[in-house]
Amino acid sequence: MSAFAVMLFGAAFLAAIWTLVASVRPQLPRFAALLRPASALPVLPPRLSRVTVRAVPARLPNRLPLRAAA
């Protein structure tokens, strides 16, 4: 009985590995694109590469104080 259990476990394990490989394999070109050197990436035009930072107030202005219901 234990040989049957080992065979059953092995078959389930192989099915899980097969499913994992089959689901990852179509995504491999995307992973390869992530690992390419940065020089292969397109360069942004200088107009878009600038970053502007606005000063944000520390606290939002208090518009109207809340009043208790009468």
PDB file of N, CA and C in Angstrom:
ATOM      1  N   MET A   1       0.822  -1.196   0.000  1.00  0.00           N
ATOM      2  CA  MET A   1       0.000   0.000   0.000  1.00  0.00           C
ATOM      3  C   MET A   1       0.864   1.257   0.000  1.00  0.00           C
ATOM      4  N   SER A   2       2.009   1.214   0.669  1.00  0.00           N
ATOM      5  CA  SER A   2       2.834   2.417   0.726  1.00  0.00           C
ATOM      6  C   SER A   2       3.458   2.715  -0.641  1.00  0.00           C
ATOM      7  N   ALA A   3       3.755   1.701  -1.432  1.00  0.00           N
ATOM      8  CA  ALA A   3       4.298   1.941  -2.773  1.00  0.00           C
ATOM      9  C   ALA A   3       3.261   2.655  -3.634  1.00  0.00           C
ATOM     10  N   PHE A   4       2.000   2.278  -3.464  1.00  0.00           N
ATOM     11  CA  PHE A   4       0.930   2.945  -4.208  1.00  0.00           C
ATOM     12  C   PHE A   4       0.808   4.410  -3.773  1.00  0.00           C
ATOM     13  N   ALA A   5       0.934   4.656  -2.476  1.00  0.00           N
ATOM     14  CA  ALA A   5       0.851   6.030  -1.974  1.00  0.00           C
ATOM     15  C   ALA A   5       2.022   6.863  -2.498  1.00  0.00           C
ATOM     16  N   VAL A   6       3.216   6.274  -2.542  1.00  0.00           N
ATOM     17  CA  VAL A   6       4.377   6.994  -3.058  1.00  0.00           C
ATOM     18  C   VAL A   6       4.188   7.295  -4.540  1.00  0.00           C
ATOM     19  N   MET A   7       3.665   6.322  -5.296  1.00  0.00           N
ATOM     20  CA  MET A   7       3.406   6.547  -6.715  1.00  0.00           C
ATOM     21  C   MET A   7       2.354   7.632  -6.924  1.00  0.00           C
ATOM     22  N   LEU A   8       1.327   7.618  -6.105  1.00  0.00           N
ATOM     23  CA  LEU A   8       0.276   8.627  -6.210  1.00  0.00           C
ATOM     24  C   LEU A   8       0.825  10.016  -5.878  1.00  0.00           C
ATOM     25  N   PHE A   9       1.623  10.093  -4.830  1.00  0.00           N
ATOM     26  CA  PHE A   9       2.238  11.370  -4.471  1.00  0.00           C
ATOM     27  C   PHE A   9       3.172  11.844  -5.579  1.00  0.00           C
ATOM     28  N   GLY A  10       3.957  10.944  -6.127  1.00  0.00           N
ATOM     29  CA  GLY A  10       4.867  11.306  -7.219  1.00  0.00           C
ATOM     30  C   GLY A  10       4.114  11.816  -8.440  1.00  0.00           C
ATOM     31  N   ALA A  11       3.001  11.172  -8.764  1.00  0.00           N
ATOM     32  CA  ALA A  11       2.210  11.619  -9.914  1.00  0.00           C
ATOM     33  C   ALA A  11       1.621  13.003  -9.656  1.00  0.00           C
ATOM     34  N   ALA A  12       1.139  13.234  -8.446  1.00  0.00           N
ATOM     35  CA  ALA A  12       0.583  14.548  -8.117  1.00  0.00           C
ATOM     36  C   ALA A  12       1.680  15.610  -8.138  1.00  0.00           C
ATOM     37  N   PHE A  13       2.861  15.259  -7.654  1.00  0.00           N
ATOM     38  CA  PHE A  13       3.976  16.199  -7.656  1.00  0.00           C
ATOM     39  C   PHE A  13       4.393  16.545  -9.083  1.00  0.00           C
ATOM     40  N   LEU A  14       4.485  15.538  -9.942  1.00  0.00           N
ATOM     41  CA  LEU A  14       4.839  15.797 -11.337  1.00  0.00           C
ATOM     42  C   LEU A  14       3.778  16.640 -12.034  1.00  0.00           C
ATOM     43  N   ALA A  15       2.507  16.397 -11.731  1.00  0.00           N
ATOM     44  CA  ALA A  15       1.440  17.200 -12.329  1.00  0.00           C
ATOM     45  C   ALA A  15       1.534  18.654 -11.874  1.00  0.00           C
ATOM     46  N   ALA A  16       1.881  18.867 -10.610  1.00  0.00           N
ATOM     47  CA  ALA A  16       2.018  20.233 -10.112  1.00  0.00           C
ATOM     48  C   ALA A  16       3.192  20.938 -10.781  1.00  0.00           C
ATOM     49  N   ILE A  17       4.315  20.256 -10.917  1.00  0.00           N
ATOM     50  CA  ILE A  17       5.487  20.846 -11.571  1.00  0.00           C
ATOM     51  C   ILE A  17       5.179  21.144 -13.037  1.00  0.00           C
ATOM     52  N   TRP A  18       4.510  20.205 -13.709  1.00  0.00           N
ATOM     53  CA  TRP A  18       4.145  20.401 -15.113  1.00  0.00           C
ATOM     54  C   TRP A  18       3.242  21.624 -15.281  1.00  0.00           C
ATOM     55  N   THR A  19       2.279  21.780 -14.393  1.00  0.00           N
ATOM     56  CA  THR A  19       1.371  22.926 -14.457  1.00  0.00           C
ATOM     57  C   THR A  19       2.124  24.225 -14.215  1.00  0.00           C
ATOM     58  N   LEU A  20       3.031  24.220 -13.258  1.00  0.00           N
ATOM     59  CA  LEU A  20       3.819  25.416 -12.965  1.00  0.00           C
ATOM     60  C   LEU A  20       4.685  25.811 -14.160  1.00  0.00           C
ATOM     61  N   VAL A  21       5.357  24.845 -14.763  1.00  0.00           N
ATOM     62  CA  VAL A  21       6.214  25.131 -15.916  1.00  0.00           C
ATOM     63  C   VAL A  21       5.370  25.616 -17.087  1.00  0.00           C
ATOM     64  N   ALA A  22       4.212  24.997 -17.304  1.00  0.00           N
ATOM     65  CA  ALA A  22       3.358  25.394 -18.425  1.00  0.00           C
ATOM     66  C   ALA A  22       2.802  26.799 -18.242  1.00  0.00           C
ATOM     67  N   SER A  23       2.614  27.236 -17.006  1.00  0.00           N
ATOM     68  CA  SER A  23       2.081  28.580 -16.789  1.00  0.00           C
ATOM     69  C   SER A  23       3.175  29.642 -16.833  1.00  0.00           C
ATOM     70  N   VAL A  24       4.413  29.291 -16.482  1.00  0.00           N
ATOM     71  CA  VAL A  24       5.503  30.267 -16.469  1.00  0.00           C
ATOM     72  C   VAL A  24       6.132  30.407 -17.852  1.00  0.00           C
ATOM     73  N   ARG A  25       6.134  29.356 -18.630  1.00  0.00           N
ATOM     74  CA  ARG A  25       6.849  29.350 -19.904  1.00  0.00           C
ATOM     75  C   ARG A  25       6.418  30.459 -20.865  1.00  0.00           C
ATOM     76  N   PRO A  26       5.124  30.771 -21.037  1.00  0.00           N
ATOM     77  CA  PRO A  26       4.764  31.868 -21.952  1.00  0.00           C
ATOM     78  C   PRO A  26       5.254  33.236 -21.481  1.00  0.00           C
ATOM     79  N   GLN A  27       5.561  33.381 -20.193  1.00  0.00           N
ATOM     80  CA  GLN A  27       5.986  34.675 -19.659  1.00  0.00           C
ATOM     81  C   GLN A  27       7.501  34.880 -19.735  1.00  0.00           C
ATOM     82  N   LEU A  28       8.240  33.879 -20.172  1.00  0.00           N
ATOM     83  CA  LEU A  28       9.700  33.986 -20.177  1.00  0.00           C
ATOM     84  C   LEU A  28      10.232  35.140 -21.026  1.00  0.00           C
ATOM     85  N   PRO A  29       9.655  35.459 -22.203  1.00  0.00           N
ATOM     86  CA  PRO A  29      10.169  36.631 -22.931  1.00  0.00           C
ATOM     87  C   PRO A  29      10.022  37.930 -22.150  1.00  0.00           C
ATOM     88  N   ARG A  30       8.967  38.048 -21.356  1.00  0.00           N
ATOM     89  CA  ARG A  30       8.798  39.256 -20.544  1.00  0.00           C
ATOM     90  C   ARG A  30       9.871  39.326 -19.464  1.00  0.00           C
ATOM     91  N   PHE A  31      10.196  38.187 -18.843  1.00  0.00           N
ATOM     92  CA  PHE A  31      11.255  38.171 -17.842  1.00  0.00           C
ATOM     93  C   PHE A  31      12.595  38.514 -18.483  1.00  0.00           C
ATOM     94  N   ALA A  32      12.843  38.004 -19.687  1.00  0.00           N
ATOM     95  CA  ALA A  32      14.098  38.299 -20.379  1.00  0.00           C
ATOM     96  C   ALA A  32      14.197  39.787 -20.684  1.00  0.00           C
ATOM     97  N   ALA A  33      13.072  40.416 -21.017  1.00  0.00           N
ATOM     98  CA  ALA A  33      13.089  41.858 -21.292  1.00  0.00           C
ATOM     99  C   ALA A  33      13.443  42.641 -20.033  1.00  0.00           C
ATOM    100  N   LEU A  34      13.052  42.141 -18.876  1.00  0.00           N
ATOM    101  CA  LEU A  34      13.385  42.832 -17.632  1.00  0.00           C
ATOM    102  C   LEU A  34      14.869  42.728 -17.295  1.00  0.00           C
ATOM    103  N   LEU A  35      15.516  41.663 -17.752  1.00  0.00           N
ATOM    104  CA  LEU A  35      16.917  41.438 -17.404  1.00  0.00           C
ATOM    105  C   LEU A  35      17.887  42.061 -18.400  1.00  0.00           C
ATOM    106  N   ARG A  36      17.377  42.667 -19.475  1.00  0.00           N
ATOM    107  CA  ARG A  36      18.265  43.314 -20.440  1.00  0.00           C
ATOM    108  C   ARG A  36      18.947  44.517 -19.801  1.00  0.00           C
ATOM    109  N   PRO A  37      20.097  44.906 -20.332  1.00  0.00           N
ATOM    110  CA  PRO A  37      20.767  46.088 -19.773  1.00  0.00           C
ATOM    111  C   PRO A  37      19.927  47.348 -19.983  1.00  0.00           C
ATOM    112  N   ALA A  38      20.152  48.321 -19.132  1.00  0.00           N
ATOM    113  CA  ALA A  38      19.350  49.544 -19.172  1.00  0.00           C
ATOM    114  C   ALA A  38      19.577  50.331 -20.451  1.00  0.00           C
ATOM    115  N   SER A  39      20.713  50.147 -21.109  1.00  0.00           N
ATOM    116  CA  SER A  39      20.981  50.899 -22.335  1.00  0.00           C
ATOM    117  C   SER A  39      20.044  50.477 -23.462  1.00  0.00           C
ATOM    118  N   ALA A  40      19.441  49.287 -23.356  1.00  0.00           N
ATOM    119  CA  ALA A  40      18.531  48.828 -24.393  1.00  0.00           C
ATOM    120  C   ALA A  40      17.157  49.477 -24.257  1.00  0.00           C
ATOM    121  N   LEU A  41      16.916  50.156 -23.154  1.00  0.00           N
ATOM    122  CA  LEU A  41      15.625  50.802 -22.954  1.00  0.00           C
ATOM    123  C   LEU A  41      15.564  52.105 -23.741  1.00  0.00           C
ATOM    124  N   PRO A  42      14.373  52.495 -24.192  1.00  0.00           N
ATOM    125  CA  PRO A  42      14.281  53.764 -24.922  1.00  0.00           C
ATOM    126  C   PRO A  42      14.562  54.948 -24.002  1.00  0.00           C
ATOM    127  N   VAL A  43      15.157  55.981 -24.562  1.00  0.00           N
ATOM    128  CA  VAL A  43      15.515  57.167 -23.788  1.00  0.00           C
ATOM    129  C   VAL A  43      14.373  58.169 -23.884  1.00  0.00           C
ATOM    130  N   LEU A  44      13.992  58.727 -22.744  1.00  0.00           N
ATOM    131  CA  LEU A  44      12.936  59.735 -22.746  1.00  0.00           C
ATOM    132  C   LEU A  44      13.466  61.043 -23.312  1.00  0.00           C
ATOM    133  N   PRO A  45      12.612  61.792 -23.996  1.00  0.00           N
ATOM    134  CA  PRO A  45      13.060  63.117 -24.427  1.00  0.00           C
ATOM    135  C   PRO A  45      13.320  63.998 -23.213  1.00  0.00           C
ATOM    136  N   PRO A  46      14.221  64.978 -23.327  1.00  0.00           N
ATOM    137  CA  PRO A  46      14.579  65.783 -22.147  1.00  0.00           C
ATOM    138  C   PRO A  46      13.386  66.514 -21.540  1.00  0.00           C
ATOM    139  N   ARG A  47      12.396  66.832 -22.358  1.00  0.00           N
ATOM    140  CA  ARG A  47      11.227  67.540 -21.840  1.00  0.00           C
ATOM    141  C   ARG A  47      10.469  66.673 -20.835  1.00  0.00           C
ATOM    142  N   LEU A  48      10.437  65.366 -21.073  1.00  0.00           N
ATOM    143  CA  LEU A  48       9.697  64.472 -20.184  1.00  0.00           C
ATOM    144  C   LEU A  48      10.534  63.959 -19.021  1.00  0.00           C
ATOM    145  N   SER A  49      11.850  64.122 -19.090  1.00  0.00           N
ATOM    146  CA  SER A  49      12.682  63.565 -18.035  1.00  0.00           C
ATOM    147  C   SER A  49      12.764  64.475 -16.818  1.00  0.00           C
ATOM    148  N   ARG A  50      12.329  65.738 -16.949  1.00  0.00           N
ATOM    149  CA  ARG A  50      12.379  66.647 -15.809  1.00  0.00           C
ATOM    150  C   ARG A  50      11.249  66.353 -14.840  1.00  0.00           C
ATOM    151  N   VAL A  51      11.528  66.509 -13.588  1.00  0.00           N
ATOM    152  CA  VAL A  51      10.522  66.280 -12.555  1.00  0.00           C
ATOM    153  C   VAL A  51      10.327  67.581 -11.803  1.00  0.00           C
ATOM    154  N   THR A  52       9.081  67.992 -11.658  1.00  0.00           N
ATOM    155  CA  THR A  52       8.802  69.199 -10.884  1.00  0.00           C
ATOM    156  C   THR A  52       8.157  68.791  -9.568  1.00  0.00           C
ATOM    157  N   VAL A  53       8.617  69.411  -8.509  1.00  0.00           N
ATOM    158  CA  VAL A  53       8.101  69.105  -7.178  1.00  0.00           C
ATOM    159  C   VAL A  53       7.436  70.359  -6.643  1.00  0.00           C
ATOM    160  N   ARG A  54       6.179  70.217  -6.249  1.00  0.00           N
ATOM    161  CA  ARG A  54       5.461  71.358  -5.683  1.00  0.00           C
ATOM    162  C   ARG A  54       5.548  71.302  -4.169  1.00  0.00           C
ATOM    163  N   ALA A  55       5.544  72.474  -3.564  1.00  0.00           N
ATOM    164  CA  ALA A  55       5.521  72.534  -2.104  1.00  0.00           C
ATOM    165  C   ALA A  55       4.104  72.217  -1.639  1.00  0.00           C
ATOM    166  N   VAL A  56       3.988  71.264  -0.754  1.00  0.00           N
ATOM    167  CA  VAL A  56       2.684  70.855  -0.238  1.00  0.00           C
ATOM    168  C   VAL A  56       2.544  71.423   1.161  1.00  0.00           C
ATOM    169  N   PRO A  57       1.408  72.064   1.475  1.00  0.00           N
ATOM    170  CA  PRO A  57       1.248  72.605   2.826  1.00  0.00           C
ATOM    171  C   PRO A  57       1.271  71.481   3.862  1.00  0.00           C
ATOM    172  N   ALA A  58       1.832  71.799   5.019  1.00  0.00           N
ATOM    173  CA  ALA A  58       1.942  70.798   6.077  1.00  0.00           C
ATOM    174  C   ALA A  58       0.564  70.384   6.575  1.00  0.00           C
ATOM    175  N   ARG A  59      -0.348  71.350   6.688  1.00  0.00           N
ATOM    176  CA  ARG A  59      -1.713  71.049   7.130  1.00  0.00           C
ATOM    177  C   ARG A  59      -2.690  71.656   6.149  1.00  0.00           C
ATOM    178  N   LEU A  60      -3.787  70.978   5.938  1.00  0.00           N
ATOM    179  CA  LEU A  60      -4.828  71.543   5.087  1.00  0.00           C
ATOM    180  C   LEU A  60      -5.499  72.694   5.830  1.00  0.00           C
ATOM    181  N   PRO A  61      -5.893  73.738   5.138  1.00  0.00           N
ATOM    182  CA  PRO A  61      -6.554  74.855   5.821  1.00  0.00           C
ATOM    183  C   PRO A  61      -7.900  74.420   6.389  1.00  0.00           C
ATOM    184  N   ASN A  62      -8.207  74.935   7.561  1.00  0.00           N
ATOM    185  CA  ASN A  62      -9.468  74.610   8.220  1.00  0.00           C
ATOM    186  C   ASN A  62     -10.550  75.512   7.631  1.00  0.00           C
ATOM    187  N   ARG A  63     -11.462  74.941   6.858  1.00  0.00           N
ATOM    188  CA  ARG A  63     -12.439  75.771   6.157  1.00  0.00           C
ATOM    189  C   ARG A  63     -13.467  76.356   7.124  1.00  0.00           C
ATOM    190  N   LEU A  64     -14.281  75.523   7.718  1.00  0.00           N
ATOM    191  CA  LEU A  64     -15.280  75.982   8.685  1.00  0.00           C
ATOM    192  C   LEU A  64     -15.215  75.074   9.899  1.00  0.00           C
ATOM    193  N   PRO A  65     -15.233  75.623  11.084  1.00  0.00           N
ATOM    194  CA  PRO A  65     -15.229  74.749  12.259  1.00  0.00           C
ATOM    195  C   PRO A  65     -16.553  73.990  12.347  1.00  0.00           C
ATOM    196  N   LEU A  66     -16.462  72.765  12.823  1.00  0.00           N
ATOM    197  CA  LEU A  66     -17.672  71.959  12.978  1.00  0.00           C
ATOM    198  C   LEU A  66     -18.462  72.451  14.176  1.00  0.00           C
ATOM    199  N   ARG A  67     -19.787  72.442  14.048  1.00  0.00           N
ATOM    200  CA  ARG A  67     -20.646  72.898  15.149  1.00  0.00           C
ATOM    201  C   ARG A  67     -21.484  71.730  15.628  1.00  0.00           C
ATOM    202  N   ALA A  68     -21.759  71.726  16.892  1.00  0.00           N
ATOM    203  CA  ALA A  68     -22.593  70.667  17.460  1.00  0.00           C
ATOM    204  C   ALA A  68     -24.032  70.856  16.995  1.00  0.00           C
ATOM    205  N   ALA A  69     -24.720  69.749  16.816  1.00  0.00           N
ATOM    206  CA  ALA A  69     -26.124  69.830  16.401  1.00  0.00           C
ATOM    207  C   ALA A  69     -26.957  70.386  17.541  1.00  0.00           C
ATOM    208  N   ALA A  70     -27.899  71.246  17.207  1.00  0.00           N
ATOM    209  CA  ALA A  70     -28.736  71.882  18.237  1.00  0.00           C
ATOM    210  C   ALA A  70     -29.867  70.964  18.646  1.00  0.00           C
TER     211      ALA A  70
END
